[in-house]
């Protein structure tokens, strides 16, 4: 195997490991409360008056 193919394999494996790590982080129960709070933030910012501009 030449050097270019070895680098491709390493980059692919590192990318896959990072992807799996991000998936575990995103779906961990430890982060659920923070993500739920951020998801509700859109609905909590309704204190601004509606704009009168029509598009």
Protein backbone atom coordinates (compact mmCIF):
# COMPACT_ATOMS: atom_id res chain seq x y z
CA UNK A 1 0.00 0.00 0.00
CA UNK A 2 1.43 3.36 -0.90
CA UNK A 3 1.48 6.39 1.38
CA UNK A 4 -1.47 8.13 -0.29
CA UNK A 5 -3.78 5.16 0.31
CA UNK A 6 -2.60 4.85 3.91
CA UNK A 7 -3.44 8.50 4.51
CA UNK A 8 -6.90 7.98 2.98
CA UNK A 9 -7.52 5.02 5.27
CA UNK A 10 -6.39 6.95 8.34
CA UNK A 11 -8.54 9.97 7.46
CA UNK A 12 -11.55 7.71 6.85
CA UNK A 13 -11.12 5.88 10.16
CA UNK A 14 -10.60 9.13 12.10
CA UNK A 15 -13.68 10.66 10.43
CA UNK A 16 -15.79 7.62 11.29
CA UNK A 17 -14.61 7.64 14.91
CA UNK A 18 -15.43 11.35 15.18
CA UNK A 19 -18.87 10.75 13.67
CA UNK A 20 -19.65 7.96 16.14
CA UNK A 21 -18.37 10.10 19.01
CA UNK A 22 -20.58 13.02 18.01
CA UNK A 23 -23.58 10.69 17.74
CA UNK A 24 -22.97 9.32 21.24
CA UNK A 25 -22.55 12.85 22.59
CA UNK A 26 -25.69 14.16 20.89
CA UNK A 27 -27.89 11.29 22.03
CA UNK A 28 -26.50 10.88 25.56
CA UNK A 29 -29.00 11.25 28.39
CA UNK A 30 -26.67 13.69 30.11
CA UNK A 31 -27.23 16.30 27.36
CA UNK A 32 -30.98 15.75 26.91
CA UNK A 33 -32.06 18.47 29.36
CA UNK A 34 -29.80 21.09 27.78
CA UNK A 35 -30.93 20.20 24.26
CA UNK A 36 -34.61 20.28 25.29
CA UNK A 37 -34.11 23.70 26.84
CA UNK A 38 -32.45 25.01 23.67
CA UNK A 39 -35.25 23.57 21.54
CA UNK A 40 -37.81 25.53 23.56
CA UNK A 41 -35.86 28.79 23.33
CA UNK A 42 -37.51 29.61 19.99
CA UNK A 43 -40.92 29.66 21.62
CA UNK A 44 -39.76 31.70 24.62
CA UNK A 45 -38.60 34.65 22.48
CA UNK A 46 -42.16 35.68 21.57
CA UNK A 47 -41.99 38.90 23.61
CA UNK A 48 -41.10 40.98 20.54
CA UNK A 49 -43.97 42.72 18.73
CA UNK A 50 -44.70 41.46 15.22
CA UNK A 51 -43.27 43.55 12.43
CA UNK A 52 -45.65 45.51 10.20
CA UNK A 53 -43.62 44.79 7.08
CA UNK A 54 -45.25 42.63 4.47
CA UNK A 55 -43.10 40.73 2.05
